[in-house]
Amino acid sequence: MSRLRAIWLVARRELLERGRSKGFLAGLVLTEILVVVSMLLQASLASGENAIRVGYVGEPPASFVSALRAVAGRDDGTTEVVALPDRATAEQALEQDRVDGVLLPGATPDQPPTLLFQEQPDSRVVGAVTEAVFAIRLSEAGVDLTPPAVESVVPVDEGDSAAFVVANVGVIFLFISIFSFGYWVLSGVVEEKQSRVVEVVLATVRPRDLLMGKVFGIGILGLVQLVVLLGTGLVAATAVGRLELPPTTFPTVAMLLLWFVLGYVLYSTLFGVLGALASRMEEASNVTTPVSFLAMGAYFLSIFVVLNDPDGLVARIASLVPPAAPMVVPMRAALGAIEPWEVALSVAVTVAFIYGLFVIGGRVYTGAVLQTRGRMRLRDAWRAAR
C-alpha cells in the first residue's frame, strides 16, 4: 500500500469517526445557535438603546419632529413622537411606559418648554430634545445650521473596519480551534496507546503515516467547522445590520483560512508527537503544557502587541516565527501593515518548519507510540526509533 493511500485511509477514518460523533454534531449545532442568538440579541439591545419615544402635549410642529429625528438619526437611532392632548394624559403615558419623556410647550412664546419624566430623567431624551429645540430657535433666528464638510487627508477604506473585525474574530476561532482539535489528536494518540489499537494499525501503516493521517483527517473536520461558524457569524451579522462586508473583506477571510490550515497542522503535530510520549491522559496534559503556553503566547502577542504596533519590529519578527505567524500575519494583513512578500516568506518558513516537524517529530512518534510503560523522555523516544 502506497504512503498516500495509507495517509488517506487514516484521515478518512478520523474524519468519519469524529464527524459522526454525537458530541461533535451537537457542539457544532449549539455553537451555531449561540452565534445567531448573540447577533440577534446585540442587534435588539442596540436598537432598544438608540430608540427614544417622546410625547408632545398638543400637536407637535413639523420643525420639531424633523429636528428631533435628525438628531437621533445622526446617532444611528430612531425617534417616535407621540401627540398627547393634555398634561394628565401625558403623565398617564409616562406611568404606562408608552413614552420615555414628554415635552410640555410653554404657555407663551417667551416661556421655555418643560420636559416631563416619570422618575429619573433619561439623558438620551434630554440631550436629543434640547439639541432639537436649540436647532429650531437658531434656525428661526436666521442662523445657518449647515454642518461643515468633513474631509480626510488620507482616504479611509470602508473595508478596513470590517476586515479587522473578521480578522479579530478569526484569530479567536483559530486559537480555540488549535486547542480543541489539537486535543482531539492528543487524546486519539493516547487512547490508541492505552487500548493497544495502535499495535494493530501499525501492522499495515507506518507510524509517520499514521500521525499525518490523524492530523489531516481531524484538520479537514476543523476546517469545515471553521468555515461553517465563520459563515454563520458573517451572514447573521450582515442580516441584522451589525456588519457590512465590502469586497475587500474576502481576502482577509481567505488569509484566515490559509493560516488556520498552517497553524492547525503545526500545533496538532506538536500535540500528537508529545502525546505519544505519554501512556495516560493525565501524563499527556503535563507533556503538552509547553505547547499550550506557546499557543497562548502567540495569541496574546497578536492581541496586545501586534494590534498596537502592526508595523513594528516585534510584529515583523513574529511574522517569521512559525508558532506565532498563524495569529500574527492575519491580524497584520487586516490592518494593512504587511507586504505581500512578507506573507509569502512567512508561509514558506512555516511550511518548511512543518515539514521538518513531520520529519523530526515523526521519528519521536515512531519511537514512543508503541511504548506503554509510563511516560517517555524525548531522548529515549529518539533513540528507540533507530
Protein backbone atom coordinates (compact mmCIF):
# COMPACT_ATOMS: atom_id res chain seq x y z
CA MET A 1 0.00 0.00 0.00
CA SER A 2 1.38 3.41 -1.00
CA ARG A 3 2.06 6.10 1.59
CA LEU A 4 -0.55 8.48 0.19
CA ARG A 5 -3.21 5.79 0.32
CA ALA A 6 -2.24 4.88 3.88
CA ILE A 7 -2.41 8.52 4.98
CA TRP A 8 -5.78 8.97 3.26
CA LEU A 9 -7.23 5.83 4.89
CA VAL A 10 -6.22 7.05 8.35
CA ALA A 11 -7.51 10.56 7.60
CA ARG A 12 -10.81 9.19 6.31
CA ARG A 13 -11.22 7.05 9.43
CA GLU A 14 -10.63 10.04 11.72
CA LEU A 15 -12.92 12.25 9.64
CA LEU A 16 -15.84 9.81 9.66
CA GLU A 17 -15.39 8.67 13.25
CA ARG A 18 -15.17 12.16 14.70
CA GLY A 19 -17.60 13.78 12.27
CA ARG A 20 -20.35 11.29 13.02
CA SER A 21 -19.98 11.53 16.78
CA LYS A 22 -22.94 12.99 18.62
CA GLY A 23 -20.66 15.25 20.63
CA PHE A 24 -19.21 16.95 17.55
CA LEU A 25 -22.57 17.39 15.81
CA ALA A 26 -24.30 18.64 18.95
CA GLY A 27 -21.44 21.04 19.69
CA LEU A 28 -21.47 22.41 16.14
CA VAL A 29 -25.24 22.98 16.13
CA LEU A 30 -25.18 24.50 19.61
CA THR A 31 -22.33 26.85 18.68
CA GLU A 32 -24.15 27.98 15.53
CA ILE A 33 -27.28 28.67 17.56
CA LEU A 34 -25.27 30.67 20.10
CA VAL A 35 -23.65 32.72 17.31
CA VAL A 36 -27.01 33.58 15.73
CA VAL A 37 -28.71 34.29 19.06
CA SER A 38 -25.86 36.54 20.20
CA MET A 39 -26.04 38.55 16.98
CA LEU A 40 -29.82 38.93 17.27
CA LEU A 41 -29.52 39.88 20.93
CA GLN A 42 -26.87 42.51 20.22
CA ALA A 43 -28.98 43.97 17.42
CA SER A 44 -32.05 44.03 19.65
CA LEU A 45 -30.20 45.70 22.53
CA ALA A 46 -28.58 48.24 20.22
CA SER A 47 -31.92 49.05 18.66
CA GLY A 48 -33.54 49.43 22.05
CA GLU A 49 -30.75 51.66 23.35
CA ASN A 50 -30.89 54.03 20.37
CA ALA A 51 -34.70 54.29 20.09
CA ILE A 52 -36.47 57.04 22.03
CA ARG A 53 -40.18 57.81 22.37
CA VAL A 54 -41.03 61.45 23.02
CA GLY A 55 -44.51 62.68 23.85
CA TYR A 56 -45.65 66.20 22.91
CA VAL A 57 -48.59 67.90 24.60
CA GLY A 58 -50.59 69.31 21.72
CA GLU A 59 -49.89 68.97 18.01
CA PRO A 60 -46.10 68.65 17.53
CA PRO A 61 -44.72 71.15 14.98
CA ALA A 62 -43.21 69.60 11.88
CA SER A 63 -39.98 71.51 12.57
CA PHE A 64 -39.65 69.84 15.99
CA VAL A 65 -40.33 66.35 14.62
CA SER A 66 -37.81 66.72 11.78
CA ALA A 67 -35.15 68.27 14.06
CA LEU A 68 -35.56 65.52 16.66
CA ARG A 69 -35.34 62.78 14.04
CA ALA A 70 -32.26 64.41 12.53
CA VAL A 71 -30.54 64.36 15.93
CA ALA A 72 -31.48 60.71 16.55
CA GLY A 73 -30.51 59.64 13.03
CA ARG A 74 -27.06 61.14 13.45
CA ASP A 75 -26.50 58.72 16.34
CA ASP A 76 -27.92 55.76 14.35
CA GLY A 77 -31.08 55.81 16.44
CA THR A 78 -34.81 56.14 15.82
CA THR A 79 -37.38 58.53 17.27
CA GLU A 80 -41.12 58.29 17.72
CA VAL A 81 -43.07 61.48 18.51
CA VAL A 82 -46.46 60.90 20.14
CA ALA A 83 -49.11 63.66 20.24
CA LEU A 84 -50.87 63.89 23.62
CA PRO A 85 -53.94 66.09 24.28
CA ASP A 86 -53.11 67.35 27.79
CA ARG A 87 -50.77 67.03 30.76
CA ALA A 88 -52.92 64.45 32.53
CA THR A 89 -52.76 62.17 29.50
CA ALA A 90 -49.01 62.79 29.30
CA GLU A 91 -48.49 61.73 32.92
CA GLN A 92 -50.58 58.62 32.29
CA ALA A 93 -48.47 57.77 29.22
CA LEU A 94 -45.31 58.11 31.31
CA GLU A 95 -46.74 55.88 34.02
CA GLN A 96 -47.68 53.21 31.47
CA ASP A 97 -44.21 53.46 29.86
CA ARG A 98 -45.66 54.38 26.45
CA VAL A 99 -43.18 57.25 26.14
CA ASP A 100 -39.71 57.95 27.60
CA GLY A 101 -40.37 61.64 28.16
CA VAL A 102 -42.90 64.36 27.36
CA LEU A 103 -42.25 67.88 26.07
CA LEU A 104 -44.72 70.38 27.50
CA PRO A 105 -44.63 73.67 25.48
CA GLY A 106 -44.61 76.95 27.37
CA ALA A 107 -47.90 78.77 27.90
CA THR A 108 -46.50 81.76 25.98
CA PRO A 109 -43.82 82.01 23.24
CA ASP A 110 -41.44 83.55 25.79
CA GLN A 111 -41.88 80.75 28.33
CA PRO A 112 -39.44 77.83 27.86
CA PRO A 113 -40.85 74.32 27.39
CA THR A 114 -40.71 71.68 30.12
CA LEU A 115 -39.56 68.07 29.86
CA LEU A 116 -41.58 65.65 31.98
CA PHE A 117 -40.31 62.26 33.19
CA GLN A 118 -41.85 59.55 35.34
CA GLU A 119 -38.90 59.40 37.75
CA GLN A 120 -35.22 59.71 36.79
CA PRO A 121 -34.66 61.91 33.70
CA ASP A 122 -33.46 59.98 30.65
CA SER A 123 -30.20 61.59 29.48
CA ARG A 124 -30.80 60.42 25.90
CA VAL A 125 -34.17 62.18 25.75
CA VAL A 126 -32.85 65.31 27.48
CA GLY A 127 -29.92 65.57 25.08
CA ALA A 128 -31.92 64.91 21.91
CA VAL A 129 -34.84 67.21 22.77
CA THR A 130 -32.56 70.02 24.00
CA GLU A 131 -30.48 69.89 20.82
CA ALA A 132 -33.62 69.81 18.66
CA VAL A 133 -35.11 72.83 20.46
CA PHE A 134 -31.86 74.79 20.13
CA ALA A 135 -31.69 73.94 16.43
CA ILE A 136 -35.24 75.25 15.88
CA ARG A 137 -34.54 78.51 17.74
CA LEU A 138 -31.28 79.10 15.86
CA SER A 139 -32.99 78.39 12.56
CA GLU A 140 -35.80 80.83 13.41
CA ALA A 141 -33.14 83.42 14.25
CA GLY A 142 -31.65 83.05 10.77
CA VAL A 143 -28.52 81.16 11.83
CA ASP A 144 -27.17 78.82 9.14
CA LEU A 145 -27.06 75.33 10.68
CA THR A 146 -25.39 73.62 7.74
CA PRO A 147 -22.58 71.46 9.23
CA PRO A 148 -19.04 71.86 7.87
CA ALA A 149 -17.86 69.45 5.21
CA VAL A 150 -15.69 66.64 6.55
CA GLU A 151 -12.69 65.55 4.52
CA SER A 152 -9.85 63.17 5.39
CA VAL A 153 -6.34 63.96 4.23
CA VAL A 154 -5.68 60.22 3.99
CA PRO A 155 -8.62 58.39 2.35
CA VAL A 156 -10.18 55.80 4.66
CA ASP A 157 -11.03 52.41 3.23
CA GLU A 158 -14.52 51.43 4.39
CA GLY A 159 -13.47 47.80 4.30
CA ASP A 160 -10.73 48.26 6.92
CA SER A 161 -13.11 48.13 9.88
CA ALA A 162 -14.96 45.05 8.64
CA ALA A 163 -11.70 43.32 7.73
CA PHE A 164 -10.33 43.99 11.21
CA VAL A 165 -13.46 42.58 12.86
CA VAL A 166 -13.28 39.46 10.69
CA ALA A 167 -9.56 39.01 11.43
CA ASN A 168 -10.05 39.54 15.16
CA VAL A 169 -12.89 37.03 15.36
CA GLY A 170 -10.99 34.64 13.09
CA VAL A 171 -7.87 34.72 15.28
CA ILE A 172 -10.03 33.92 18.31
CA PHE A 173 -11.59 30.99 16.42
CA LEU A 174 -8.11 29.85 15.39
CA PHE A 175 -6.87 29.96 18.97
CA ILE A 176 -9.86 27.97 20.19
CA SER A 177 -9.60 25.51 17.30
CA ILE A 178 -5.93 24.84 18.00
CA PHE A 179 -6.78 23.66 21.48
CA SER A 180 -9.99 21.85 20.53
CA PHE A 181 -8.69 19.88 17.56
CA GLY A 182 -5.15 19.60 18.90
CA TYR A 183 -6.66 17.95 21.97
CA TRP A 184 -8.52 15.54 19.68
CA VAL A 185 -5.23 14.49 18.10
CA LEU A 186 -3.66 14.21 21.54
CA SER A 187 -6.49 12.16 23.03
CA GLY A 188 -6.66 9.91 19.95
CA VAL A 189 -2.95 9.08 20.21
CA VAL A 190 -3.13 8.33 23.94
CA GLU A 191 -6.37 6.32 23.69
CA GLU A 192 -4.95 4.14 20.93
CA LYS A 193 -1.84 3.51 23.02
CA GLN A 194 -3.90 2.57 26.08
CA SER A 195 -6.20 0.22 24.16
CA ARG A 196 -3.28 -1.15 22.08
CA VAL A 197 -5.27 -0.47 18.91
CA VAL A 198 -2.18 1.25 17.58
CA GLU A 199 -0.33 -2.08 17.52
CA VAL A 200 -2.90 -3.48 15.09
CA VAL A 201 -2.90 -0.34 12.93
CA LEU A 202 0.89 -0.22 12.71
CA ALA A 203 0.88 -3.72 11.26
CA THR A 204 -0.17 -2.14 7.94
CA VAL A 205 0.61 1.59 8.34
CA ARG A 206 3.92 3.28 9.11
CA PRO A 207 3.96 5.36 12.33
CA ARG A 208 4.76 8.60 10.50
CA ASP A 209 1.88 7.99 8.06
CA LEU A 210 -0.45 7.29 10.99
CA LEU A 211 0.46 10.63 12.58
CA MET A 212 -0.01 12.55 9.32
CA GLY A 213 -3.33 10.84 8.64
CA LYS A 214 -4.63 11.77 12.10
CA VAL A 215 -3.57 15.39 11.71
CA PHE A 216 -5.03 15.75 8.21
CA GLY A 217 -8.30 13.94 8.97
CA ILE A 218 -9.12 15.97 12.05
CA GLY A 219 -7.84 19.07 10.25
CA ILE A 220 -10.38 18.66 7.45
CA LEU A 221 -13.09 18.42 10.08
CA GLY A 222 -11.78 21.51 11.83
CA LEU A 223 -11.64 23.48 8.57
CA VAL A 224 -15.25 22.55 7.82
CA GLN A 225 -16.32 23.68 11.28
CA LEU A 226 -14.41 26.96 10.98
CA VAL A 227 -15.95 27.73 7.59
CA VAL A 228 -19.45 26.92 8.88
CA LEU A 229 -19.10 29.02 12.03
CA LEU A 230 -17.45 31.97 10.30
CA GLY A 231 -20.05 31.82 7.53
CA THR A 232 -22.90 31.68 10.03
CA GLY A 233 -21.47 34.58 12.03
CA LEU A 234 -20.87 36.77 8.98
CA VAL A 235 -24.30 36.07 7.50
CA ALA A 236 -26.03 36.70 10.83
CA ALA A 237 -24.07 39.92 11.45
CA THR A 238 -24.82 41.18 7.95
CA ALA A 239 -28.51 40.22 8.18
CA VAL A 240 -29.08 42.18 11.40
CA GLY A 241 -27.09 45.15 10.13
CA ARG A 242 -24.24 44.77 12.61
CA LEU A 243 -21.59 44.43 9.91
CA GLU A 244 -21.29 45.40 6.28
CA LEU A 245 -18.95 43.28 4.19
CA PRO A 246 -17.32 45.16 1.33
CA PRO A 247 -15.42 43.10 -1.26
CA THR A 248 -12.10 43.96 0.41
CA THR A 249 -13.10 41.76 3.37
CA PHE A 250 -12.94 38.48 1.47
CA PRO A 251 -9.12 38.45 1.06
CA THR A 252 -8.97 38.63 4.86
CA VAL A 253 -11.24 35.59 5.10
CA ALA A 254 -9.03 33.72 2.63
CA MET A 255 -5.96 34.68 4.68
CA LEU A 256 -7.62 33.34 7.81
CA LEU A 257 -8.43 30.01 6.20
CA LEU A 258 -4.86 29.66 4.92
CA TRP A 259 -3.37 30.32 8.33
CA PHE A 260 -5.91 28.12 10.05
CA VAL A 261 -4.65 25.21 7.97
CA LEU A 262 -0.98 26.00 8.62
CA GLY A 263 -1.49 26.80 12.31
CA TYR A 264 -3.61 23.74 12.93
CA VAL A 265 -1.16 21.35 11.21
CA LEU A 266 1.77 22.85 13.12
CA TYR A 267 0.23 22.71 16.59
CA SER A 268 -1.66 19.44 16.11
CA THR A 269 1.56 17.74 15.02
CA LEU A 270 3.23 19.00 18.18
CA PHE A 271 0.30 17.74 20.27
CA GLY A 272 0.42 14.34 18.55
CA VAL A 273 4.19 13.92 18.86
CA LEU A 274 4.33 14.94 22.51
CA GLY A 275 1.17 12.97 23.26
CA ALA A 276 2.93 9.80 22.08
CA LEU A 277 5.37 10.23 24.97
CA ALA A 278 2.57 9.68 27.49
CA SER A 279 0.73 6.48 28.27
CA ARG A 280 -2.19 8.11 30.12
CA MET A 281 -4.20 11.31 29.61
CA GLU A 282 -3.02 12.64 32.96
CA GLU A 283 0.57 12.45 31.73
CA ALA A 284 -0.36 13.88 28.32
CA SER A 285 -1.65 17.10 29.87
CA ASN A 286 1.70 17.69 31.56
CA VAL A 287 3.73 16.77 28.49
CA THR A 288 1.86 19.19 26.23
CA THR A 289 1.87 22.14 28.65
CA PRO A 290 4.73 23.89 26.78
CA VAL A 291 2.72 23.73 23.53
CA SER A 292 -0.30 25.24 25.27
CA PHE A 293 1.78 28.11 26.62
CA LEU A 294 3.30 28.60 23.17
CA ALA A 295 -0.14 28.96 21.58
CA MET A 296 -1.33 31.30 24.34
CA GLY A 297 1.79 33.43 23.95
CA ALA A 298 1.21 33.75 20.20
CA TYR A 299 -2.42 34.74 20.76
CA PHE A 300 -1.63 37.39 23.38
CA LEU A 301 1.18 38.69 21.18
CA SER A 302 -1.26 39.27 18.32
CA ILE A 303 -3.84 40.96 20.55
CA PHE A 304 -1.69 43.16 22.78
CA VAL A 305 1.45 43.85 20.74
CA VAL A 306 0.68 43.46 17.04
CA LEU A 307 -2.66 45.24 17.36
CA ASN A 308 -0.99 48.34 18.81
CA ASP A 309 2.06 48.34 16.53
CA PRO A 310 1.38 46.13 13.49
CA ASP A 311 4.31 47.55 11.53
CA GLY A 312 6.82 47.41 14.38
CA LEU A 313 9.94 45.29 14.70
CA VAL A 314 8.31 42.78 17.06
CA ALA A 315 5.40 42.22 14.67
CA ARG A 316 7.75 41.76 11.72
CA ILE A 317 9.91 39.23 13.56
CA ALA A 318 6.87 37.37 14.92
CA SER A 319 5.55 37.01 11.36
CA LEU A 320 8.58 34.86 10.56
CA VAL A 321 8.35 32.71 13.71
CA PRO A 322 6.21 29.68 12.70
CA PRO A 323 4.41 29.15 16.05
CA ALA A 324 3.40 32.84 16.15
CA ALA A 325 2.79 33.51 12.44
CA PRO A 326 -0.72 31.91 12.22
CA MET A 327 -2.10 34.51 14.63
CA VAL A 328 0.14 37.47 13.81
CA VAL A 329 0.01 37.52 9.99
CA PRO A 330 -3.83 37.63 9.62
CA MET A 331 -4.00 40.49 12.12
CA ARG A 332 -1.30 42.49 10.34
CA ALA A 333 -2.92 41.79 6.97
CA ALA A 334 -6.30 43.05 8.21
CA LEU A 335 -4.64 46.24 9.43
CA GLY A 336 -2.89 46.71 6.08
CA ALA A 337 0.53 46.59 7.75
CA ILE A 338 2.15 43.68 5.88
CA GLU A 339 3.62 43.45 2.40
CA PRO A 340 2.80 40.56 0.02
CA TRP A 341 6.42 39.40 0.07
CA GLU A 342 6.28 39.18 3.87
CA VAL A 343 3.21 36.96 3.65
CA ALA A 344 4.87 34.74 1.05
CA LEU A 345 8.06 34.47 3.11
CA SER A 346 6.11 33.73 6.28
CA VAL A 347 4.15 30.97 4.52
CA ALA A 348 7.36 29.47 3.11
CA VAL A 349 9.10 29.49 6.51
CA THR A 350 6.06 27.95 8.23
CA VAL A 351 5.68 25.21 5.59
CA ALA A 352 9.39 24.38 5.90
CA PHE A 353 9.03 24.26 9.69
CA ILE A 354 6.03 21.92 9.41
CA TYR A 355 7.97 19.64 7.04
CA GLY A 356 10.87 19.49 9.49
CA LEU A 357 8.40 18.86 12.29
CA PHE A 358 6.97 15.85 10.45
CA VAL A 359 10.48 14.50 9.80
CA ILE A 360 11.89 15.02 13.30
CA GLY A 361 8.61 14.65 15.18
CA GLY A 362 7.73 11.60 13.13
CA ARG A 363 10.82 9.86 14.43
CA VAL A 364 9.94 10.73 18.03
CA TYR A 365 6.39 9.50 17.42
CA THR A 366 7.73 6.25 15.91
CA GLY A 367 9.91 5.58 18.93
CA ALA A 368 7.26 6.42 21.52
CA VAL A 369 3.90 5.29 20.16
CA LEU A 370 4.41 1.59 20.98
CA GLN A 371 5.87 2.21 24.44
CA THR A 372 3.19 1.80 27.12
CA ARG A 373 5.38 1.56 30.23
CA GLY A 374 4.86 5.07 31.51
CA ARG A 375 6.00 8.45 30.27
CA MET A 376 8.99 8.55 27.92
CA ARG A 377 11.60 11.25 27.52
CA LEU A 378 12.25 12.83 24.13
CA ARG A 379 15.80 11.47 24.06
CA ASP A 380 14.63 7.92 24.77
CA ALA A 381 11.94 8.12 22.08
CA TRP A 382 14.50 9.41 19.56
CA ARG A 383 16.88 6.55 20.32
CA ALA A 384 14.11 3.94 20.29
CA ALA A 385 13.26 4.84 16.68
CA ARG A 386 16.67 3.75 15.35
